Protein backbone atom coordinates (compact mmCIF):
# COMPACT_ATOMS: atom_id res chain seq x y z
CA MET A 1 0.00 0.00 0.00
CA CYS A 2 2.64 2.49 1.04
CA GLN A 3 4.20 4.30 -1.97
CA HIS A 4 6.54 6.77 -0.21
CA GLN A 5 10.03 6.45 1.26
CA PRO A 6 10.79 5.41 3.89
CA PRO A 7 7.84 3.02 3.84
CA CYS A 8 5.35 3.04 6.69
CA PRO A 9 5.30 0.14 9.16
CA SER A 10 3.03 -2.69 8.11
CA ALA A 11 -0.37 -3.27 9.68
CA ASP A 12 1.10 -6.30 11.49
CA SER A 13 3.99 -4.44 13.12
CA ALA A 14 3.93 -3.21 16.71
CA ASP A 15 4.39 0.43 15.61
CA ARG A 16 1.58 0.37 12.99
CA GLU A 17 0.04 3.58 14.45
CA SER A 18 3.07 5.58 13.29
CA ALA A 19 2.11 5.23 9.60
CA ARG A 20 1.15 8.39 7.71
CA LEU A 21 -2.43 9.64 7.72
CA VAL A 22 -4.33 9.18 4.46
CA ALA A 23 -7.72 10.41 5.67
CA HIS A 24 -8.76 12.03 8.95
CA HIS A 25 -12.41 12.42 9.97
CA PRO A 26 -12.55 13.66 13.58
CA GLU A 27 -16.24 14.48 13.20
CA GLN A 28 -16.85 10.75 12.64
CA GLY A 29 -14.17 9.58 15.07
CA TRP A 30 -11.78 7.73 12.75
CA SER A 31 -8.62 8.05 10.66
CA LEU A 32 -7.18 5.91 7.88
CA LEU A 33 -3.44 5.24 7.85
CA CYS A 34 -1.24 4.53 4.83
CA ASN A 35 -0.86 0.88 5.88
CA GLY A 36 -4.64 0.33 5.74
CA VAL A 37 -5.28 0.52 9.49
CA VAL A 38 -8.37 2.43 10.61
CA LEU A 39 -7.81 4.17 13.97
CA PHE A 40 -10.80 5.14 16.08
CA GLU A 41 -10.87 7.99 18.60
CA ASP A 42 -11.48 5.52 21.44
CA THR A 43 -8.03 4.01 20.55
CA GLY A 44 -9.53 0.91 18.93
CA GLU A 45 -8.26 -0.23 15.55
CA LEU A 46 -9.52 -2.12 12.52
CA LEU A 47 -6.77 -3.91 10.59
CA PRO A 48 -6.92 -4.42 6.81
CA ASP A 49 -7.54 -8.17 7.22
CA GLY A 50 -10.63 -7.48 9.35
CA ARG A 51 -9.07 -8.13 12.77
CA ILE A 52 -10.16 -5.81 15.55
CA ILE A 53 -7.83 -4.35 18.17
CA ALA A 54 -9.79 -3.42 21.29
CA PRO A 55 -9.48 0.12 22.67
CA GLN A 56 -6.49 0.63 24.96
CA ARG A 57 -7.91 3.46 27.06
CA PRO A 58 -6.39 3.92 30.51
CA ARG A 59 -8.64 2.94 33.39
CA SER A 60 -10.26 5.79 35.27
CA ALA A 61 -8.94 6.35 38.80
CA SER A 62 -12.51 6.23 40.07
CA LEU A 63 -12.90 2.66 38.77
CA THR A 64 -9.83 1.22 40.45
CA THR A 65 -9.97 -0.24 43.91
CA ALA A 66 -7.17 -0.13 46.44
């Protein structure tokens, strides 16, 4: 997919979120990266092969118990 140099990390690599933005739609809550990954504002991801990466939001302090 990636046509520029240096090429973006693949959708399977650990640093896939560092790929260049192709489309950004904050009003809809998503962005498309050059490697085909769709990033959602809740930090979830949709990979080009259809796999879903669950949101990685930090837990709220009010939800943790001591």
